[in-house]
Amino acid sequence: MAATDTTRPAPFGAISIFRAVQGVSDLFAAIATWNDARVTRKALSKLSDRELDDIGLCRGDIDALTR
């Protein structure tokens, strides 16, 4: 069995590019999370008090639930 040495440094700028791409990816993930919470909050706000009671919520729980 042959063994090879794989501990070589990253090419110049690779770490910076990776961090930039990761930052953009994190931004898109944060926007998607915010949008999901917004859609959920809007859908729950459209329900009547009776419907909210059926699923075990009250009107005051909506904001706390989507945070």
PDB file of N, CA and C in Angstrom:
ATOM      1  N   MET A   1       0.847  -1.159   0.000  1.00  0.00           N
ATOM      2  CA  MET A   1       0.000   0.000   0.000  1.00  0.00           C
ATOM      3  C   MET A   1       0.900   1.231   0.000  1.00  0.00           C
ATOM      4  N   ALA A   2       0.594   2.171  -0.877  1.00  0.00           N
ATOM      5  CA  ALA A   2       1.393   3.386  -0.990  1.00  0.00           C
ATOM      6  C   ALA A   2       0.789   4.480  -0.134  1.00  0.00           C
ATOM      7  N   ALA A   3       1.638   5.285   0.446  1.00  0.00           N
ATOM      8  CA  ALA A   3       1.190   6.414   1.252  1.00  0.00           C
ATOM      9  C   ALA A   3       1.651   7.705   0.586  1.00  0.00           C
ATOM     10  N   THR A   4       0.756   8.675   0.527  1.00  0.00           N
ATOM     11  CA  THR A   4       1.126   9.963  -0.058  1.00  0.00           C
ATOM     12  C   THR A   4       0.923  11.065   0.965  1.00  0.00           C
ATOM     13  N   ASP A   5       1.728  12.099   0.838  1.00  0.00           N
ATOM     14  CA  ASP A   5       1.637  13.237   1.738  1.00  0.00           C
ATOM     15  C   ASP A   5       0.646  14.240   1.148  1.00  0.00           C
ATOM     16  N   THR A   6      -0.431  14.523   1.874  1.00  0.00           N
ATOM     17  CA  THR A   6      -1.449  15.431   1.354  1.00  0.00           C
ATOM     18  C   THR A   6      -1.507  16.735   2.144  1.00  0.00           C
ATOM     19  N   THR A   7      -0.472  17.049   2.870  1.00  0.00           N
ATOM     20  CA  THR A   7      -0.472  18.277   3.674  1.00  0.00           C
ATOM     21  C   THR A   7       0.273  19.371   2.934  1.00  0.00           C
ATOM     22  N   ARG A   8      -0.367  19.968   1.999  1.00  0.00           N
ATOM     23  CA  ARG A   8       0.236  21.076   1.270  1.00  0.00           C
ATOM     24  C   ARG A   8      -0.622  22.314   1.482  1.00  0.00           C
ATOM     25  N   PRO A   9      -0.046  23.504   1.405  1.00  0.00           N
ATOM     26  CA  PRO A   9      -0.812  24.721   1.659  1.00  0.00           C
ATOM     27  C   PRO A   9      -1.829  24.996   0.545  1.00  0.00           C
ATOM     28  N   ALA A  10      -2.866  25.713   0.900  1.00  0.00           N
ATOM     29  CA  ALA A  10      -3.890  26.092  -0.076  1.00  0.00           C
ATOM     30  C   ALA A  10      -3.313  27.123  -1.035  1.00  0.00           C
ATOM     31  N   PRO A  11      -3.796  27.151  -2.256  1.00  0.00           N
ATOM     32  CA  PRO A  11      -3.311  28.152  -3.212  1.00  0.00           C
ATOM     33  C   PRO A  11      -3.597  29.569  -2.730  1.00  0.00           C
ATOM     34  N   PHE A  12      -2.831  30.525  -3.240  1.00  0.00           N
ATOM     35  CA  PHE A  12      -2.971  31.915  -2.844  1.00  0.00           C
ATOM     36  C   PHE A  12      -4.398  32.407  -3.103  1.00  0.00           C
ATOM     37  N   GLY A  13      -5.023  32.954  -2.067  1.00  0.00           N
ATOM     38  CA  GLY A  13      -6.365  33.521  -2.192  1.00  0.00           C
ATOM     39  C   GLY A  13      -7.498  32.528  -2.020  1.00  0.00           C
ATOM     40  N   ALA A  14      -7.202  31.255  -1.911  1.00  0.00           N
ATOM     41  CA  ALA A  14      -8.272  30.255  -1.817  1.00  0.00           C
ATOM     42  C   ALA A  14      -9.089  30.431  -0.544  1.00  0.00           C
ATOM     43  N   ILE A  15      -8.437  30.741   0.552  1.00  0.00           N
ATOM     44  CA  ILE A  15      -9.146  30.909   1.821  1.00  0.00           C
ATOM     45  C   ILE A  15     -10.049  32.136   1.750  1.00  0.00           C
ATOM     46  N   SER A  16      -9.561  33.225   1.185  1.00  0.00           N
ATOM     47  CA  SER A  16     -10.357  34.450   1.069  1.00  0.00           C
ATOM     48  C   SER A  16     -11.577  34.220   0.187  1.00  0.00           C
ATOM     49  N   ILE A  17     -11.392  33.528  -0.910  1.00  0.00           N
ATOM     50  CA  ILE A  17     -12.516  33.239  -1.807  1.00  0.00           C
ATOM     51  C   ILE A  17     -13.522  32.339  -1.115  1.00  0.00           C
ATOM     52  N   PHE A  18     -13.029  31.336  -0.389  1.00  0.00           N
ATOM     53  CA  PHE A  18     -13.928  30.443   0.342  1.00  0.00           C
ATOM     54  C   PHE A  18     -14.755  31.227   1.353  1.00  0.00           C
ATOM     55  N   ARG A  19     -14.117  32.119   2.100  1.00  0.00           N
ATOM     56  CA  ARG A  19     -14.844  32.904   3.109  1.00  0.00           C
ATOM     57  C   ARG A  19     -15.868  33.831   2.456  1.00  0.00           C
ATOM     58  N   ALA A  20     -15.543  34.404   1.312  1.00  0.00           N
ATOM     59  CA  ALA A  20     -16.485  35.271   0.609  1.00  0.00           C
ATOM     60  C   ALA A  20     -17.700  34.473   0.130  1.00  0.00           C
ATOM     61  N   VAL A  21     -17.447  33.312  -0.442  1.00  0.00           N
ATOM     62  CA  VAL A  21     -18.549  32.457  -0.917  1.00  0.00           C
ATOM     63  C   VAL A  21     -19.388  31.989   0.272  1.00  0.00           C
ATOM     64  N   GLN A  22     -18.748  31.644   1.357  1.00  0.00           N
ATOM     65  CA  GLN A  22     -19.467  31.213   2.561  1.00  0.00           C
ATOM     66  C   GLN A  22     -20.321  32.354   3.115  1.00  0.00           C
ATOM     67  N   GLY A  23     -19.795  33.576   3.065  1.00  0.00           N
ATOM     68  CA  GLY A  23     -20.561  34.732   3.528  1.00  0.00           C
ATOM     69  C   GLY A  23     -21.805  34.961   2.690  1.00  0.00           C
ATOM     70  N   VAL A  24     -21.680  34.848   1.381  1.00  0.00           N
ATOM     71  CA  VAL A  24     -22.838  35.002   0.496  1.00  0.00           C
ATOM     72  C   VAL A  24     -23.839  33.876   0.758  1.00  0.00           C
ATOM     73  N   SER A  25     -23.343  32.675   0.943  1.00  0.00           N
ATOM     74  CA  SER A  25     -24.214  31.540   1.238  1.00  0.00           C
ATOM     75  C   SER A  25     -24.964  31.752   2.558  1.00  0.00           C
ATOM     76  N   ASP A  26     -24.264  32.236   3.575  1.00  0.00           N
ATOM     77  CA  ASP A  26     -24.899  32.522   4.867  1.00  0.00           C
ATOM     78  C   ASP A  26     -25.961  33.605   4.731  1.00  0.00           C
ATOM     79  N   LEU A  27     -25.694  34.610   3.894  1.00  0.00           N
ATOM     80  CA  LEU A  27     -26.661  35.678   3.667  1.00  0.00           C
ATOM     81  C   LEU A  27     -27.936  35.121   3.028  1.00  0.00           C
ATOM     82  N   PHE A  28     -27.796  34.272   2.011  1.00  0.00           N
ATOM     83  CA  PHE A  28     -28.965  33.676   1.372  1.00  0.00           C
ATOM     84  C   PHE A  28     -29.736  32.787   2.352  1.00  0.00           C
ATOM     85  N   ALA A  29     -29.027  32.070   3.219  1.00  0.00           N
ATOM     86  CA  ALA A  29     -29.693  31.227   4.212  1.00  0.00           C
ATOM     87  C   ALA A  29     -30.475  32.083   5.209  1.00  0.00           C
ATOM     88  N   ALA A  30     -29.901  33.211   5.613  1.00  0.00           N
ATOM     89  CA  ALA A  30     -30.589  34.105   6.548  1.00  0.00           C
ATOM     90  C   ALA A  30     -31.839  34.704   5.904  1.00  0.00           C
ATOM     91  N   ILE A  31     -31.745  35.072   4.637  1.00  0.00           N
ATOM     92  CA  ILE A  31     -32.907  35.624   3.930  1.00  0.00           C
ATOM     93  C   ILE A  31     -33.998  34.565   3.796  1.00  0.00           C
ATOM     94  N   ALA A  32     -33.616  33.335   3.493  1.00  0.00           N
ATOM     95  CA  ALA A  32     -34.604  32.254   3.366  1.00  0.00           C
ATOM     96  C   ALA A  32     -35.287  31.978   4.706  1.00  0.00           C
ATOM     97  N   THR A  33     -34.533  32.005   5.794  1.00  0.00           N
ATOM     98  CA  THR A  33     -35.106  31.789   7.124  1.00  0.00           C
ATOM     99  C   THR A  33     -36.077  32.901   7.479  1.00  0.00           C
ATOM    100  N   TRP A  34     -35.677  34.146   7.191  1.00  0.00           N
ATOM    101  CA  TRP A  34     -36.551  35.289   7.457  1.00  0.00           C
ATOM    102  C   TRP A  34     -37.843  35.178   6.644  1.00  0.00           C
ATOM    103  N   ASN A  35     -37.727  34.786   5.390  1.00  0.00           N
ATOM    104  CA  ASN A  35     -38.911  34.685   4.532  1.00  0.00           C
ATOM    105  C   ASN A  35     -39.845  33.571   5.008  1.00  0.00           C
ATOM    106  N   ASP A  36     -39.286  32.451   5.438  1.00  0.00           N
ATOM    107  CA  ASP A  36     -40.122  31.361   5.962  1.00  0.00           C
ATOM    108  C   ASP A  36     -40.902  31.822   7.190  1.00  0.00           C
ATOM    109  N   ALA A  37     -40.240  32.558   8.072  1.00  0.00           N
ATOM    110  CA  ALA A  37     -40.916  33.071   9.268  1.00  0.00           C
ATOM    111  C   ALA A  37     -41.995  34.073   8.885  1.00  0.00           C
ATOM    112  N   ARG A  38     -41.728  34.909   7.896  1.00  0.00           N
ATOM    113  CA  ARG A  38     -42.700  35.896   7.433  1.00  0.00           C
ATOM    114  C   ARG A  38     -43.943  35.219   6.855  1.00  0.00           C
ATOM    115  N   VAL A  39     -43.730  34.196   6.045  1.00  0.00           N
ATOM    116  CA  VAL A  39     -44.856  33.475   5.437  1.00  0.00           C
ATOM    117  C   VAL A  39     -45.678  32.764   6.512  1.00  0.00           C
ATOM    118  N   THR A  40     -45.014  32.153   7.462  1.00  0.00           N
ATOM    119  CA  THR A  40     -45.711  31.465   8.553  1.00  0.00           C
ATOM    120  C   THR A  40     -46.519  32.449   9.382  1.00  0.00           C
ATOM    121  N   ARG A  41     -45.899  33.581   9.727  1.00  0.00           N
ATOM    122  CA  ARG A  41     -46.586  34.608  10.509  1.00  0.00           C
ATOM    123  C   ARG A  41     -47.821  35.122   9.769  1.00  0.00           C
ATOM    124  N   LYS A  42     -47.695  35.326   8.472  1.00  0.00           N
ATOM    125  CA  LYS A  42     -48.820  35.823   7.667  1.00  0.00           C
ATOM    126  C   LYS A  42     -49.953  34.798   7.617  1.00  0.00           C
ATOM    127  N   ALA A  43     -49.602  33.526   7.439  1.00  0.00           N
ATOM    128  CA  ALA A  43     -50.626  32.474   7.370  1.00  0.00           C
ATOM    129  C   ALA A  43     -51.342  32.317   8.709  1.00  0.00           C
ATOM    130  N   LEU A  44     -50.591  32.360   9.796  1.00  0.00           N
ATOM    131  CA  LEU A  44     -51.223  32.226  11.109  1.00  0.00           C
ATOM    132  C   LEU A  44     -52.074  33.441  11.445  1.00  0.00           C
ATOM    133  N   SER A  45     -51.675  34.607  10.984  1.00  0.00           N
ATOM    134  CA  SER A  45     -52.444  35.820  11.256  1.00  0.00           C
ATOM    135  C   SER A  45     -53.786  35.802  10.541  1.00  0.00           C
ATOM    136  N   LYS A  46     -53.898  35.085   9.447  1.00  0.00           N
ATOM    137  CA  LYS A  46     -55.153  35.005   8.703  1.00  0.00           C
ATOM    138  C   LYS A  46     -56.170  34.089   9.373  1.00  0.00           C
ATOM    139  N   LEU A  47     -55.709  33.224  10.280  1.00  0.00           N
ATOM    140  CA  LEU A  47     -56.625  32.296  10.944  1.00  0.00           C
ATOM    141  C   LEU A  47     -57.473  33.034  11.971  1.00  0.00           C
ATOM    142  N   SER A  48     -58.669  32.509  12.210  1.00  0.00           N
ATOM    143  CA  SER A  48     -59.540  33.092  13.236  1.00  0.00           C
ATOM    144  C   SER A  48     -59.062  32.625  14.612  1.00  0.00           C
ATOM    145  N   ASP A  49     -59.602  33.278  15.647  1.00  0.00           N
ATOM    146  CA  ASP A  49     -59.230  32.882  17.007  1.00  0.00           C
ATOM    147  C   ASP A  49     -59.649  31.443  17.296  1.00  0.00           C
ATOM    148  N   ARG A  50     -60.760  31.031  16.740  1.00  0.00           N
ATOM    149  CA  ARG A  50     -61.241  29.655  16.932  1.00  0.00           C
ATOM    150  C   ARG A  50     -60.282  28.650  16.280  1.00  0.00           C
ATOM    151  N   GLU A  51     -59.825  28.963  15.069  1.00  0.00           N
ATOM    152  CA  GLU A  51     -58.889  28.068  14.376  1.00  0.00           C
ATOM    153  C   GLU A  51     -57.543  28.006  15.100  1.00  0.00           C
ATOM    154  N   LEU A  52     -57.091  29.142  15.605  1.00  0.00           N
ATOM    155  CA  LEU A  52     -55.844  29.149  16.378  1.00  0.00           C
ATOM    156  C   LEU A  52     -55.988  28.309  17.643  1.00  0.00           C
ATOM    157  N   ASP A  53     -57.158  28.415  18.289  1.00  0.00           N
ATOM    158  CA  ASP A  53     -57.406  27.628  19.492  1.00  0.00           C
ATOM    159  C   ASP A  53     -57.405  26.130  19.180  1.00  0.00           C
ATOM    160  N   ASP A  54     -57.886  25.764  17.999  1.00  0.00           N
ATOM    161  CA  ASP A  54     -57.897  24.355  17.595  1.00  0.00           C
ATOM    162  C   ASP A  54     -56.487  23.777  17.487  1.00  0.00           C
ATOM    163  N   ILE A  55     -55.530  24.601  17.104  1.00  0.00           N
ATOM    164  CA  ILE A  55     -54.150  24.093  17.002  1.00  0.00           C
ATOM    165  C   ILE A  55     -53.316  24.441  18.234  1.00  0.00           C
ATOM    166  N   GLY A  56     -53.980  24.955  19.269  1.00  0.00           N
ATOM    167  CA  GLY A  56     -53.309  25.180  20.539  1.00  0.00           C
ATOM    168  C   GLY A  56     -52.516  26.480  20.627  1.00  0.00           C
ATOM    169  N   LEU A  57     -52.928  27.469  19.864  1.00  0.00           N
ATOM    170  CA  LEU A  57     -52.237  28.759  19.887  1.00  0.00           C
ATOM    171  C   LEU A  57     -53.220  29.872  20.199  1.00  0.00           C
ATOM    172  N   CYS A  58     -52.675  31.001  20.623  1.00  0.00           N
ATOM    173  CA  CYS A  58     -53.477  32.208  20.734  1.00  0.00           C
ATOM    174  C   CYS A  58     -52.791  33.283  19.905  1.00  0.00           C
ATOM    175  N   ARG A  59     -53.482  34.383  19.698  1.00  0.00           N
ATOM    176  CA  ARG A  59     -52.959  35.429  18.830  1.00  0.00           C
ATOM    177  C   ARG A  59     -51.597  35.946  19.308  1.00  0.00           C
ATOM    178  N   GLY A  60     -51.368  35.980  20.605  1.00  0.00           N
ATOM    179  CA  GLY A  60     -50.106  36.466  21.159  1.00  0.00           C
ATOM    180  C   GLY A  60     -48.920  35.515  20.930  1.00  0.00           C
ATOM    181  N   ASP A  61     -49.209  34.270  20.613  1.00  0.00           N
ATOM    182  CA  ASP A  61     -48.140  33.292  20.384  1.00  0.00           C
ATOM    183  C   ASP A  61     -47.503  33.397  19.003  1.00  0.00           C
ATOM    184  N   ILE A  62     -48.156  34.085  18.090  1.00  0.00           N
ATOM    185  CA  ILE A  62     -47.694  34.090  16.700  1.00  0.00           C
ATOM    186  C   ILE A  62     -46.303  34.696  16.567  1.00  0.00           C
ATOM    187  N   ASP A  63     -46.081  35.868  17.144  1.00  0.00           N
ATOM    188  CA  ASP A  63     -44.766  36.506  17.029  1.00  0.00           C
ATOM    189  C   ASP A  63     -43.680  35.697  17.733  1.00  0.00           C
ATOM    190  N   ALA A  64     -43.995  35.158  18.901  1.00  0.00           N
ATOM    191  CA  ALA A  64     -42.994  34.374  19.626  1.00  0.00           C
ATOM    192  C   ALA A  64     -42.660  33.074  18.896  1.00  0.00           C
ATOM    193  N   LEU A  65     -43.646  32.522  18.208  1.00  0.00           N
ATOM    194  CA  LEU A  65     -43.449  31.267  17.502  1.00  0.00           C
ATOM    195  C   LEU A  65     -42.559  31.424  16.278  1.00  0.00           C
ATOM    196  N   THR A  66     -42.656  32.566  15.619  1.00  0.00           N
ATOM    197  CA  THR A  66     -41.911  32.748  14.366  1.00  0.00           C
ATOM    198  C   THR A  66     -40.555  33.412  14.566  1.00  0.00           C
ATOM    199  N   ARG A  67     -40.168  33.690  15.764  1.00  0.00           N
ATOM    200  CA  ARG A  67     -38.840  34.256  16.012  1.00  0.00           C
ATOM    201  C   ARG A  67     -37.786  33.206  16.036  1.00  0.00           C
TER     202      ARG A  67
END
